[in-house]
Amino acid sequence: MRSQKTIRKKATLSGIGVHTGNTVELVIHPAEINTGIRFVRSDLPDKPEVKADINNVVGFTRGTTIAENGAKVHTVEHILAAINAFGITNAILQLNSNEPPVDDGSSLTFVQVLQEAGIEEQDAVIDVFQPQEPIYVRDNDIILVVLPYDGFRISYTVSFTHPSLKAQYLSLDITRDSFISEIAPSRTFCFYREVEALMDQGLIKGGSLDNAVVIGDNAIFSKEKLRFHNEFVRHKILDLIGDTYLLGVPLSAHIIAVKSGHATNLKLTKALYDAYTKEKKQCELSSQ
């Protein structure tokens, strides 16, 4: 177990949603103990809440969408990754639209506003799930394995069917400091050949070179040079950090991932949730 945490003061940022293209203001508020991470749609009648919970996932096409109480929030993984890395367990994320601002496609802005808001330790504890047995998810050549580990580590391999991109690999202990310096700056990306199909699906309405890296057959298009030589695997790790925080509690484990995306990240998070729930029930029964 570890102490619950929230932010000291509210933080505000605004921008557009990468997929919806909607203009949005996000206000992050401190929250009481045992609140969890909750999105509030202030633009809707009665301001419905959507808890950041794996059981509320309703979509995972190029981003993670959650829904509850008749409200949806799209692309939650970038803000959840920063919240996870900062150890925040209680916060209210108030939105006046249906998607957090994408900013430059990374988590840097979220990091900056959380640093400005400050982190406050609360007088209550929260479970930390530390699996004692391996947990495994596979979908053809996509593999995710969770191993017992004292800490939180991700080892990720991504491989592209692309003429000039080699496979990328990174293994890193995820702490607040390592997230800030090594993971948060990495930007979202897509292949140029995917752009038309994504637009046909009603996605990337707010996408541009201001908030994404586009990989062409013979060149990489970006408003600036790549921030890391392996920026793409780093962003995949960022997404995984955000998706797994839908577990609802901090995770102490080593995740080994090969070619995973949101769909399999969320399958893994559901497997973790089931294992955590089972362990918690067993502990409750044994204490009776």
Protein backbone atom coordinates (compact mmCIF):
# COMPACT_ATOMS: atom_id res chain seq x y z
CA MET A 1 0.00 0.00 0.00
CA ARG A 2 1.00 3.62 -0.45
CA SER A 3 -0.46 7.00 0.40
CA GLN A 4 -3.24 8.42 -1.73
CA LYS A 5 -2.40 11.66 -3.52
CA THR A 6 -4.18 14.55 -5.17
CA ILE A 7 -3.09 17.95 -6.50
CA ARG A 8 -2.67 20.98 -4.23
CA LYS A 9 -4.56 23.47 -6.41
CA LYS A 10 -6.57 23.36 -9.58
CA ALA A 11 -4.86 23.47 -12.96
CA THR A 12 -6.28 24.61 -16.29
CA LEU A 13 -5.31 24.05 -19.91
CA SER A 14 -7.10 24.33 -23.22
CA GLY A 15 -6.73 23.29 -26.84
CA ILE A 16 -8.33 20.94 -29.34
CA GLY A 17 -9.04 17.23 -29.31
CA VAL A 18 -6.92 15.28 -31.79
CA HIS A 19 -9.73 13.04 -33.01
CA THR A 20 -12.86 15.15 -32.48
CA GLY A 21 -11.28 18.47 -33.40
CA ASN A 22 -13.39 20.11 -30.69
CA THR A 23 -12.12 23.09 -28.72
CA VAL A 24 -11.92 22.16 -25.06
CA GLU A 25 -10.93 23.51 -21.67
CA LEU A 26 -9.70 21.01 -19.10
CA VAL A 27 -9.70 21.96 -15.42
CA ILE A 28 -8.05 19.48 -13.05
CA HIS A 29 -9.39 19.79 -9.50
CA PRO A 30 -8.11 18.34 -6.21
CA ALA A 31 -10.32 15.54 -4.90
CA GLU A 32 -11.09 13.89 -1.59
CA ILE A 33 -9.68 10.50 -0.60
CA ASN A 34 -11.16 7.45 -2.36
CA THR A 35 -12.51 9.58 -5.22
CA GLY A 36 -10.32 7.97 -7.85
CA ILE A 37 -9.79 9.64 -11.21
CA ARG A 38 -13.04 10.99 -12.62
CA PHE A 39 -13.83 13.00 -15.74
CA VAL A 40 -16.75 15.43 -15.53
CA ARG A 41 -18.52 16.61 -18.69
CA SER A 42 -19.48 20.14 -17.65
CA ASP A 43 -20.97 20.80 -21.10
CA LEU A 44 -23.74 18.24 -20.59
CA PRO A 45 -26.92 18.49 -18.47
CA ASP A 46 -26.32 17.44 -14.84
CA LYS A 47 -22.55 17.33 -15.51
CA PRO A 48 -22.23 13.52 -15.67
CA GLU A 49 -19.11 11.81 -14.33
CA VAL A 50 -17.09 9.16 -16.12
CA LYS A 51 -14.78 7.20 -13.88
CA ALA A 52 -11.40 6.19 -15.27
CA ASP A 53 -12.08 2.46 -15.02
CA ILE A 54 -11.42 -0.47 -17.33
CA ASN A 55 -15.08 -1.47 -17.08
CA ASN A 56 -16.06 1.87 -18.65
CA VAL A 57 -14.02 1.38 -21.84
CA VAL A 58 -16.20 1.58 -24.95
CA GLY A 59 -13.66 2.16 -27.72
CA PHE A 60 -10.00 1.74 -28.57
CA THR A 61 -9.57 2.84 -32.20
CA ARG A 62 -6.40 4.96 -32.20
CA GLY A 63 -7.15 6.04 -28.64
CA THR A 64 -9.00 4.91 -25.53
CA THR A 65 -12.60 6.03 -25.05
CA ILE A 66 -14.52 5.63 -21.79
CA ALA A 67 -18.20 6.20 -21.10
CA GLU A 68 -20.58 6.27 -18.14
CA ASN A 69 -23.86 7.97 -17.21
CA GLY A 70 -24.61 8.72 -20.86
CA ALA A 71 -21.34 10.63 -21.40
CA LYS A 72 -18.16 9.77 -23.33
CA VAL A 73 -14.60 10.95 -23.08
CA HIS A 74 -12.21 10.18 -25.93
CA THR A 75 -8.43 9.75 -25.94
CA VAL A 76 -7.85 9.61 -22.20
CA GLU A 77 -4.49 7.81 -22.28
CA HIS A 78 -2.12 10.80 -22.49
CA ILE A 79 -3.50 12.59 -19.43
CA LEU A 80 -3.83 9.29 -17.52
CA ALA A 81 -0.19 8.46 -18.25
CA ALA A 82 0.95 11.68 -16.56
CA ILE A 83 -1.44 11.19 -13.64
CA ASN A 84 -0.17 7.63 -13.21
CA ALA A 85 3.48 8.66 -13.31
CA PHE A 86 2.88 11.40 -10.69
CA GLY A 87 1.21 8.90 -8.37
CA ILE A 88 -2.06 10.86 -8.30
CA THR A 89 -4.94 8.67 -7.14
CA ASN A 90 -7.68 11.27 -6.65
CA ALA A 91 -8.58 14.03 -9.11
CA ILE A 92 -11.57 15.52 -10.91
CA LEU A 93 -10.91 16.27 -14.59
CA GLN A 94 -13.57 18.73 -15.74
CA LEU A 95 -14.07 19.03 -19.50
CA ASN A 96 -16.39 21.30 -21.46
CA SER A 97 -16.19 18.94 -24.45
CA ASN A 98 -15.63 15.24 -25.11
CA GLU A 99 -11.84 14.94 -25.44
CA PRO A 100 -8.84 16.32 -23.53
CA PRO A 101 -6.63 18.76 -25.44
CA VAL A 102 -3.92 17.05 -27.48
CA ASP A 103 -1.43 19.96 -27.36
CA ASP A 104 1.68 18.68 -29.20
CA GLY A 105 0.65 15.01 -29.11
CA SER A 106 2.77 14.17 -26.06
CA SER A 107 2.18 14.37 -22.30
CA LEU A 108 4.49 17.34 -21.72
CA THR A 109 1.74 19.91 -21.14
CA PHE A 110 0.00 17.62 -18.66
CA VAL A 111 3.31 17.21 -16.83
CA GLN A 112 3.82 20.97 -16.71
CA VAL A 113 0.38 21.75 -15.28
CA LEU A 114 0.69 18.98 -12.68
CA GLN A 115 4.07 20.33 -11.62
CA GLU A 116 2.58 23.82 -11.28
CA ALA A 117 -0.40 22.49 -9.32
CA GLY A 118 1.79 20.49 -6.94
CA ILE A 119 1.13 17.08 -5.42
CA GLU A 120 -0.42 16.59 -1.99
CA GLU A 121 -0.14 13.40 0.02
CA GLN A 122 -3.42 12.44 1.71
CA ASP A 123 -4.10 10.74 5.03
CA ALA A 124 -5.27 7.45 3.53
CA VAL A 125 -3.70 4.51 1.75
CA ILE A 126 -4.42 2.82 -1.56
CA ASP A 127 -3.73 -0.74 -2.65
CA VAL A 128 -0.83 -1.41 -4.97
CA PHE A 129 -1.41 -4.46 -7.13
CA GLN A 130 1.71 -6.60 -7.36
CA PRO A 131 0.89 -9.79 -9.30
CA GLN A 132 2.56 -12.88 -7.87
CA GLU A 133 2.09 -14.96 -11.03
CA PRO A 134 2.70 -14.07 -14.68
CA ILE A 135 -0.24 -12.66 -16.63
CA TYR A 136 -0.24 -13.16 -20.37
CA VAL A 137 -2.16 -11.70 -23.33
CA ARG A 138 -1.55 -12.65 -26.95
CA ASP A 139 -3.18 -11.74 -30.25
CA ASN A 140 -1.25 -13.30 -33.15
CA ASP A 141 2.18 -11.62 -33.07
CA ILE A 142 1.15 -9.10 -30.38
CA ILE A 143 2.34 -10.22 -26.96
CA LEU A 144 2.01 -8.75 -23.47
CA VAL A 145 3.44 -10.42 -20.38
CA VAL A 146 3.25 -9.14 -16.80
CA LEU A 147 5.88 -10.47 -14.41
CA PRO A 148 6.31 -9.96 -10.65
CA TYR A 149 8.56 -6.96 -10.00
CA ASP A 150 9.32 -4.60 -7.15
CA GLY A 151 8.55 -1.37 -8.97
CA PHE A 152 7.00 -0.52 -12.32
CA ARG A 153 9.00 -1.38 -15.43
CA ILE A 154 8.06 -1.57 -19.08
CA SER A 155 10.10 -3.32 -21.77
CA TYR A 156 8.60 -2.60 -25.17
CA THR A 157 9.44 -3.73 -28.70
CA VAL A 158 7.69 -2.20 -31.68
CA SER A 159 8.23 -3.39 -35.26
CA PHE A 160 6.92 -1.67 -38.38
CA THR A 161 6.08 -2.94 -41.85
CA HIS A 162 7.92 0.00 -43.34
CA PRO A 163 10.81 0.16 -45.81
CA SER A 164 13.06 2.45 -43.77
CA LEU A 165 12.04 2.03 -40.11
CA LYS A 166 13.77 -0.56 -37.99
CA ALA A 167 12.32 -2.19 -34.90
CA GLN A 168 12.62 -0.08 -31.74
CA TYR A 169 13.12 -1.34 -28.19
CA LEU A 170 13.29 0.33 -24.80
CA SER A 171 13.25 -1.03 -21.25
CA LEU A 172 12.75 1.47 -18.44
CA ASP A 173 11.73 1.72 -14.80
CA ILE A 174 8.78 4.11 -14.79
CA THR A 175 9.11 6.75 -12.09
CA ARG A 176 7.97 10.35 -12.09
CA ASP A 177 11.45 11.52 -13.06
CA SER A 178 11.98 8.95 -15.81
CA PHE A 179 8.52 9.64 -17.20
CA ILE A 180 9.17 13.38 -17.34
CA SER A 181 12.53 13.09 -19.08
CA GLU A 182 12.26 9.91 -21.14
CA ILE A 183 8.58 9.29 -21.99
CA ALA A 184 6.40 12.41 -21.65
CA PRO A 185 8.01 14.32 -24.58
CA SER A 186 7.30 11.54 -27.10
CA ARG A 187 4.55 12.44 -29.56
CA THR A 188 1.76 10.47 -31.12
CA PHE A 189 2.34 9.31 -34.68
CA CYS A 190 0.71 7.67 -37.66
CA PHE A 191 1.66 6.49 -41.13
CA TYR A 192 0.83 8.72 -44.08
CA ARG A 193 -0.86 5.79 -45.80
CA GLU A 194 -3.30 5.59 -42.84
CA VAL A 195 -4.43 9.22 -42.93
CA GLU A 196 -7.24 8.85 -45.48
CA ALA A 197 -8.68 5.78 -43.74
CA LEU A 198 -8.57 7.52 -40.35
CA MET A 199 -10.38 10.53 -41.78
CA ASP A 200 -13.00 8.25 -43.32
CA GLN A 201 -13.60 6.85 -39.82
CA GLY A 202 -14.25 10.36 -38.51
CA LEU A 203 -10.93 10.45 -36.64
CA ILE A 204 -7.96 12.89 -36.52
CA LYS A 205 -10.24 15.90 -37.15
CA GLY A 206 -7.87 17.93 -34.98
CA GLY A 207 -4.72 16.21 -36.19
CA SER A 208 -1.86 18.14 -37.81
CA LEU A 209 1.91 18.34 -37.75
CA ASP A 210 1.44 20.56 -34.68
CA ASN A 211 0.40 17.50 -32.66
CA ALA A 212 1.61 14.38 -34.48
CA VAL A 213 4.49 12.87 -36.39
CA VAL A 214 3.52 11.47 -39.80
CA ILE A 215 5.62 8.68 -41.26
CA GLY A 216 5.78 8.60 -45.05
CA ASP A 217 7.31 5.90 -47.23
CA ASN A 218 10.49 7.91 -47.78
CA ALA A 219 10.44 10.63 -45.13
CA ILE A 220 9.19 11.50 -41.66
CA PHE A 221 7.07 14.64 -41.49
CA SER A 222 7.21 16.63 -38.27
CA LYS A 223 7.10 20.27 -37.20
CA GLU A 224 10.44 19.68 -35.49
CA LYS A 225 13.05 16.96 -35.60
CA LEU A 226 12.42 13.75 -33.69
CA ARG A 227 12.87 14.27 -29.97
CA PHE A 228 14.46 10.83 -29.56
CA HIS A 229 15.91 8.46 -32.13
CA ASN A 230 13.34 5.94 -30.87
CA GLU A 231 10.48 8.35 -30.17
CA PHE A 232 7.87 5.92 -31.51
CA VAL A 233 8.49 3.14 -28.99
CA ARG A 234 8.59 5.75 -26.24
CA HIS A 235 5.13 6.97 -27.21
CA LYS A 236 3.89 3.37 -27.23
CA ILE A 237 5.15 3.09 -23.65
CA LEU A 238 3.34 6.35 -22.81
CA ASP A 239 0.08 4.90 -24.12
CA LEU A 240 0.58 1.71 -22.13
CA ILE A 241 1.20 3.67 -18.91
CA GLY A 242 -2.08 5.52 -19.47
CA ASP A 243 -4.13 2.50 -20.50
CA THR A 244 -3.01 0.36 -17.56
CA TYR A 245 -4.01 3.09 -15.08
CA LEU A 246 -7.61 2.19 -15.89
CA LEU A 247 -6.91 -0.68 -13.48
CA GLY A 248 -7.87 1.83 -10.78
CA VAL A 249 -4.87 1.26 -8.51
CA PRO A 250 -1.11 1.60 -8.96
CA LEU A 251 0.66 -1.40 -10.48
CA SER A 252 3.94 -2.92 -9.30
CA ALA A 253 5.09 -5.22 -12.10
CA HIS A 254 7.31 -5.63 -15.14
CA ILE A 255 5.32 -5.44 -18.38
CA ILE A 256 6.96 -6.91 -21.46
CA ALA A 257 5.16 -5.75 -24.60
CA VAL A 258 5.66 -6.63 -28.25
CA LYS A 259 3.79 -4.63 -30.91
CA SER A 260 0.87 -3.81 -28.62
CA GLY A 261 -1.70 -1.08 -29.19
CA HIS A 262 -4.75 0.17 -27.33
CA ALA A 263 -6.87 -2.93 -27.97
CA THR A 264 -4.36 -5.34 -26.43
CA ASN A 265 -3.27 -2.83 -23.76
CA LEU A 266 -6.87 -2.83 -22.58
CA LYS A 267 -7.16 -6.63 -22.76
CA LEU A 268 -4.16 -6.75 -20.46
CA THR A 269 -5.66 -4.16 -18.12
CA LYS A 270 -8.86 -6.21 -17.91
CA ALA A 271 -6.80 -9.33 -17.11
CA LEU A 272 -4.98 -7.36 -14.41
CA TYR A 273 -8.31 -6.11 -13.04
CA ASP A 274 -9.70 -9.65 -12.89
CA ALA A 275 -6.58 -10.91 -11.11
CA TYR A 276 -6.60 -7.97 -8.67
CA THR A 277 -10.31 -8.43 -7.92
CA LYS A 278 -9.83 -12.16 -7.33
CA GLU A 279 -6.88 -11.56 -4.99
CA LYS A 280 -8.80 -8.91 -3.05
CA LYS A 281 -11.78 -11.25 -2.55
CA GLN A 282 -9.50 -14.03 -1.36
CA CYS A 283 -7.89 -11.68 1.17
CA GLU A 284 -11.32 -10.59 2.43
CA LEU A 285 -12.43 -14.22 2.85
CA SER A 286 -9.27 -15.22 4.66
CA SER A 287 -9.64 -12.34 7.11
CA GLN A 288 -13.19 -13.33 8.11
